């Protein structure tokens, strides 16, 4: 459903998936179109709540790339989290 661009149909399902391991992936897919918004509080909250989860860290990396491309360094620092591994996502 999400891959077919039907995020509006998926939105009501998100809360019904509470505790389900794939919920973070659905929420990440819903937030992906908002990556280029200024002061994106929903995205920041999602990343903070799901820190370490693959889907969240992939989204964080995409956000950081956009912030670097647009030279928004202060916000970049707000989203950046040091990593102990050197593997790229």
N, C-alpha and C. Protein backbone atom coordinates (compact mmCIF):
# COMPACT_ATOMS: atom_id res chain seq x y z
N UNK A 1 0.83 -1.20 0.00
CA UNK A 1 0.00 0.00 0.00
C UNK A 1 0.87 1.25 0.00
N UNK A 2 1.87 1.30 0.87
CA UNK A 2 2.71 2.48 0.97
C UNK A 2 3.55 2.65 -0.29
N UNK A 3 4.06 1.57 -0.83
CA UNK A 3 4.87 1.66 -2.04
C UNK A 3 4.06 2.12 -3.24
N UNK A 4 2.76 1.98 -3.19
CA UNK A 4 1.91 2.39 -4.30
C UNK A 4 1.46 3.84 -4.14
N UNK A 5 2.04 4.56 -3.21
CA UNK A 5 1.73 5.97 -3.03
C UNK A 5 0.39 6.22 -2.35
N UNK A 6 -0.07 5.28 -1.57
CA UNK A 6 -1.36 5.41 -0.91
C UNK A 6 -1.19 5.64 0.59
N UNK A 7 -0.36 6.61 0.93
CA UNK A 7 -0.07 6.86 2.34
C UNK A 7 -1.31 7.29 3.12
N UNK A 8 -2.23 7.99 2.47
CA UNK A 8 -3.43 8.42 3.18
C UNK A 8 -4.25 7.23 3.66
N UNK A 9 -4.25 6.14 2.91
CA UNK A 9 -4.97 4.93 3.34
C UNK A 9 -4.23 4.20 4.45
N UNK A 10 -2.92 4.36 4.49
CA UNK A 10 -2.12 3.68 5.50
C UNK A 10 -2.15 4.40 6.84
N UNK A 11 -2.41 5.70 6.83
CA UNK A 11 -2.36 6.49 8.06
C UNK A 11 -3.24 5.93 9.19
N UNK A 12 -4.49 5.55 8.93
CA UNK A 12 -5.30 5.02 10.03
C UNK A 12 -4.77 3.70 10.59
N UNK A 13 -4.00 2.99 9.81
CA UNK A 13 -3.46 1.70 10.26
C UNK A 13 -2.30 1.86 11.24
N UNK A 14 -1.62 2.98 11.18
CA UNK A 14 -0.43 3.16 11.99
C UNK A 14 -0.70 2.96 13.46
N UNK A 15 -1.73 3.56 13.99
CA UNK A 15 -2.01 3.42 15.43
C UNK A 15 -2.46 2.01 15.78
N UNK A 16 -3.08 1.31 14.85
CA UNK A 16 -3.52 -0.06 15.15
C UNK A 16 -2.35 -1.04 15.15
N UNK A 17 -1.19 -0.60 14.72
CA UNK A 17 -0.01 -1.46 14.69
C UNK A 17 0.90 -1.24 15.89
N UNK A 18 0.40 -0.56 16.91
CA UNK A 18 1.19 -0.26 18.10
C UNK A 18 1.84 -1.54 18.64
N UNK A 19 3.15 -1.50 18.79
CA UNK A 19 3.89 -2.64 19.29
C UNK A 19 4.31 -3.64 18.22
N UNK A 20 3.80 -3.50 17.02
CA UNK A 20 4.15 -4.38 15.93
C UNK A 20 5.50 -3.95 15.37
N UNK A 21 6.42 -4.88 15.15
CA UNK A 21 7.79 -4.51 14.75
C UNK A 21 7.88 -3.68 13.47
N UNK A 22 6.94 -3.80 12.56
CA UNK A 22 7.04 -3.07 11.30
C UNK A 22 6.39 -1.70 11.34
N UNK A 23 5.84 -1.32 12.48
CA UNK A 23 5.19 -0.02 12.59
C UNK A 23 6.16 1.12 12.29
N UNK A 24 7.39 0.99 12.72
CA UNK A 24 8.39 2.04 12.50
C UNK A 24 8.64 2.24 11.00
N UNK A 25 8.55 1.18 10.22
CA UNK A 25 8.76 1.30 8.77
C UNK A 25 7.61 2.05 8.11
N UNK A 26 6.39 1.78 8.55
CA UNK A 26 5.23 2.48 8.01
C UNK A 26 5.30 3.96 8.36
N UNK A 27 5.62 4.27 9.59
CA UNK A 27 5.72 5.67 10.01
C UNK A 27 6.84 6.38 9.26
N UNK A 28 7.96 5.69 9.05
CA UNK A 28 9.07 6.29 8.28
C UNK A 28 8.62 6.60 6.86
N UNK A 29 7.87 5.69 6.26
CA UNK A 29 7.37 5.92 4.90
C UNK A 29 6.42 7.11 4.86
N UNK A 30 5.64 7.28 5.91
CA UNK A 30 4.72 8.41 5.97
C UNK A 30 5.48 9.73 6.12
N UNK A 31 6.59 9.71 6.82
CA UNK A 31 7.36 10.93 7.07
C UNK A 31 8.33 11.27 5.94
N UNK A 32 8.71 10.30 5.11
CA UNK A 32 9.69 10.53 4.05
C UNK A 32 9.34 11.74 3.17
N UNK A 33 8.08 11.92 2.77
CA UNK A 33 7.78 13.10 1.93
C UNK A 33 7.98 14.44 2.65
N UNK A 34 8.15 14.42 3.96
CA UNK A 34 8.32 15.67 4.71
C UNK A 34 9.78 16.00 4.98
N UNK A 35 10.70 15.24 4.45
CA UNK A 35 12.13 15.42 4.76
C UNK A 35 12.63 16.82 4.47
N UNK A 36 12.06 17.48 3.50
CA UNK A 36 12.58 18.79 3.10
C UNK A 36 11.81 19.96 3.69
N UNK A 37 11.08 19.71 4.74
CA UNK A 37 10.38 20.80 5.43
C UNK A 37 11.29 21.43 6.47
N UNK A 38 11.17 22.72 6.62
CA UNK A 38 11.90 23.43 7.67
C UNK A 38 11.26 23.11 9.02
N UNK A 39 12.07 23.07 10.06
CA UNK A 39 11.56 22.87 11.43
C UNK A 39 10.55 21.72 11.50
N UNK A 40 10.96 20.57 11.08
CA UNK A 40 10.09 19.40 11.00
C UNK A 40 10.01 18.70 12.36
N UNK A 41 9.09 19.15 13.20
CA UNK A 41 9.00 18.63 14.57
C UNK A 41 8.53 17.19 14.61
N UNK A 42 7.63 16.79 13.72
CA UNK A 42 7.16 15.41 13.70
C UNK A 42 8.29 14.45 13.35
N UNK A 43 9.09 14.83 12.37
CA UNK A 43 10.23 14.00 11.98
C UNK A 43 11.23 13.90 13.11
N UNK A 44 11.54 15.03 13.73
CA UNK A 44 12.51 15.03 14.84
C UNK A 44 12.02 14.15 15.99
N UNK A 45 10.75 14.24 16.33
CA UNK A 45 10.19 13.41 17.40
C UNK A 45 10.28 11.92 17.04
N UNK A 46 9.95 11.59 15.81
CA UNK A 46 10.02 10.19 15.36
C UNK A 46 11.46 9.67 15.46
N UNK A 47 12.42 10.47 15.01
CA UNK A 47 13.81 10.04 15.05
C UNK A 47 14.29 9.87 16.48
N UNK A 48 13.90 10.77 17.36
CA UNK A 48 14.30 10.66 18.77
C UNK A 48 13.68 9.44 19.43
N UNK A 49 12.41 9.17 19.14
CA UNK A 49 11.71 8.03 19.75
C UNK A 49 12.21 6.69 19.23
N UNK A 50 12.70 6.67 18.01
CA UNK A 50 13.11 5.41 17.38
C UNK A 50 14.60 5.36 17.08
N UNK A 51 15.37 6.10 17.85
CA UNK A 51 16.82 6.15 17.62
C UNK A 51 17.40 4.74 17.65
N UNK A 52 18.19 4.45 16.64
CA UNK A 52 18.81 3.13 16.55
C UNK A 52 18.07 2.16 15.64
N UNK A 53 16.79 2.40 15.40
CA UNK A 53 16.02 1.54 14.50
C UNK A 53 16.48 1.82 13.06
N UNK A 54 16.62 0.78 12.27
CA UNK A 54 17.16 0.93 10.92
C UNK A 54 16.36 1.96 10.11
N UNK A 55 15.03 1.84 10.12
CA UNK A 55 14.19 2.74 9.31
C UNK A 55 14.37 4.19 9.76
N UNK A 56 14.48 4.42 11.05
CA UNK A 56 14.66 5.78 11.56
C UNK A 56 16.04 6.32 11.21
N UNK A 57 17.06 5.50 11.33
CA UNK A 57 18.41 5.97 11.03
C UNK A 57 18.60 6.21 9.53
N UNK A 58 17.94 5.43 8.71
CA UNK A 58 17.98 5.66 7.26
C UNK A 58 17.33 7.01 6.94
N UNK A 59 16.20 7.28 7.58
CA UNK A 59 15.51 8.55 7.40
C UNK A 59 16.38 9.72 7.90
N UNK A 60 17.04 9.52 9.05
CA UNK A 60 17.93 10.55 9.60
C UNK A 60 19.05 10.85 8.60
N UNK A 61 19.61 9.80 8.00
CA UNK A 61 20.69 9.99 7.03
C UNK A 61 20.20 10.78 5.82
N UNK A 62 19.00 10.48 5.35
CA UNK A 62 18.43 11.22 4.22
C UNK A 62 18.21 12.69 4.59
N UNK A 63 17.73 12.93 5.80
CA UNK A 63 17.51 14.30 6.26
C UNK A 63 18.85 15.05 6.36
N UNK A 64 19.85 14.39 6.92
CA UNK A 64 21.16 15.01 7.04
C UNK A 64 21.74 15.34 5.67
N UNK A 65 21.54 14.46 4.72
CA UNK A 65 22.05 14.72 3.37
C UNK A 65 21.38 15.96 2.77
N UNK A 66 20.06 16.08 2.95
CA UNK A 66 19.35 17.25 2.43
C UNK A 66 19.81 18.53 3.13
N UNK A 67 19.97 18.45 4.45
CA UNK A 67 20.42 19.62 5.19
C UNK A 67 21.82 20.05 4.75
N UNK A 68 22.70 19.09 4.50
CA UNK A 68 24.04 19.42 4.02
C UNK A 68 23.97 20.02 2.62
N UNK A 69 23.16 19.44 1.76
CA UNK A 69 23.04 19.95 0.39
C UNK A 69 22.54 21.39 0.37
N UNK A 70 21.68 21.73 1.34
CA UNK A 70 21.11 23.07 1.38
C UNK A 70 21.85 23.98 2.38
N UNK A 71 22.96 23.47 2.90
CA UNK A 71 23.85 24.23 3.79
C UNK A 71 23.14 24.77 5.04
N UNK A 72 22.29 23.97 5.61
CA UNK A 72 21.59 24.34 6.85
C UNK A 72 22.32 23.69 8.02
N UNK A 73 23.47 24.25 8.33
CA UNK A 73 24.39 23.60 9.25
C UNK A 73 23.90 23.55 10.69
N UNK A 74 23.22 24.57 11.17
CA UNK A 74 22.74 24.53 12.55
C UNK A 74 21.71 23.41 12.73
N UNK A 75 20.78 23.31 11.79
CA UNK A 75 19.80 22.23 11.89
C UNK A 75 20.46 20.87 11.68
N UNK A 76 21.48 20.83 10.83
CA UNK A 76 22.25 19.59 10.64
C UNK A 76 22.78 19.10 11.98
N UNK A 77 23.35 20.03 12.75
CA UNK A 77 23.89 19.66 14.06
C UNK A 77 22.79 19.17 15.01
N UNK A 78 21.59 19.70 14.86
CA UNK A 78 20.48 19.26 15.70
C UNK A 78 20.08 17.81 15.40
N UNK A 79 20.19 17.41 14.14
CA UNK A 79 19.80 16.06 13.73
C UNK A 79 20.94 15.04 13.83
N UNK A 80 22.17 15.51 13.80
CA UNK A 80 23.32 14.62 13.78
C UNK A 80 23.45 13.85 15.09
N UNK A 81 23.74 12.56 14.98
CA UNK A 81 24.04 11.72 16.13
C UNK A 81 25.35 10.99 15.82
N UNK A 82 26.34 11.13 16.69
CA UNK A 82 27.59 10.39 16.45
C UNK A 82 27.30 8.88 16.43
N UNK A 83 28.02 8.20 15.59
CA UNK A 83 27.83 6.75 15.47
C UNK A 83 29.12 6.07 15.87
N UNK A 84 28.97 4.91 16.52
CA UNK A 84 30.16 4.18 16.93
C UNK A 84 30.68 3.28 15.81
N UNK A 85 29.82 2.95 14.84
CA UNK A 85 30.29 2.15 13.72
C UNK A 85 30.53 3.07 12.53
N UNK A 86 31.26 2.58 11.56
CA UNK A 86 31.56 3.40 10.40
C UNK A 86 30.82 2.91 9.15
N UNK A 87 29.92 1.97 9.33
CA UNK A 87 29.17 1.45 8.18
C UNK A 87 28.20 2.51 7.68
N UNK A 88 28.12 2.64 6.38
CA UNK A 88 27.19 3.59 5.79
C UNK A 88 25.84 2.93 5.59
N UNK A 89 24.78 3.68 5.76
CA UNK A 89 23.43 3.13 5.55
C UNK A 89 23.09 3.10 4.10
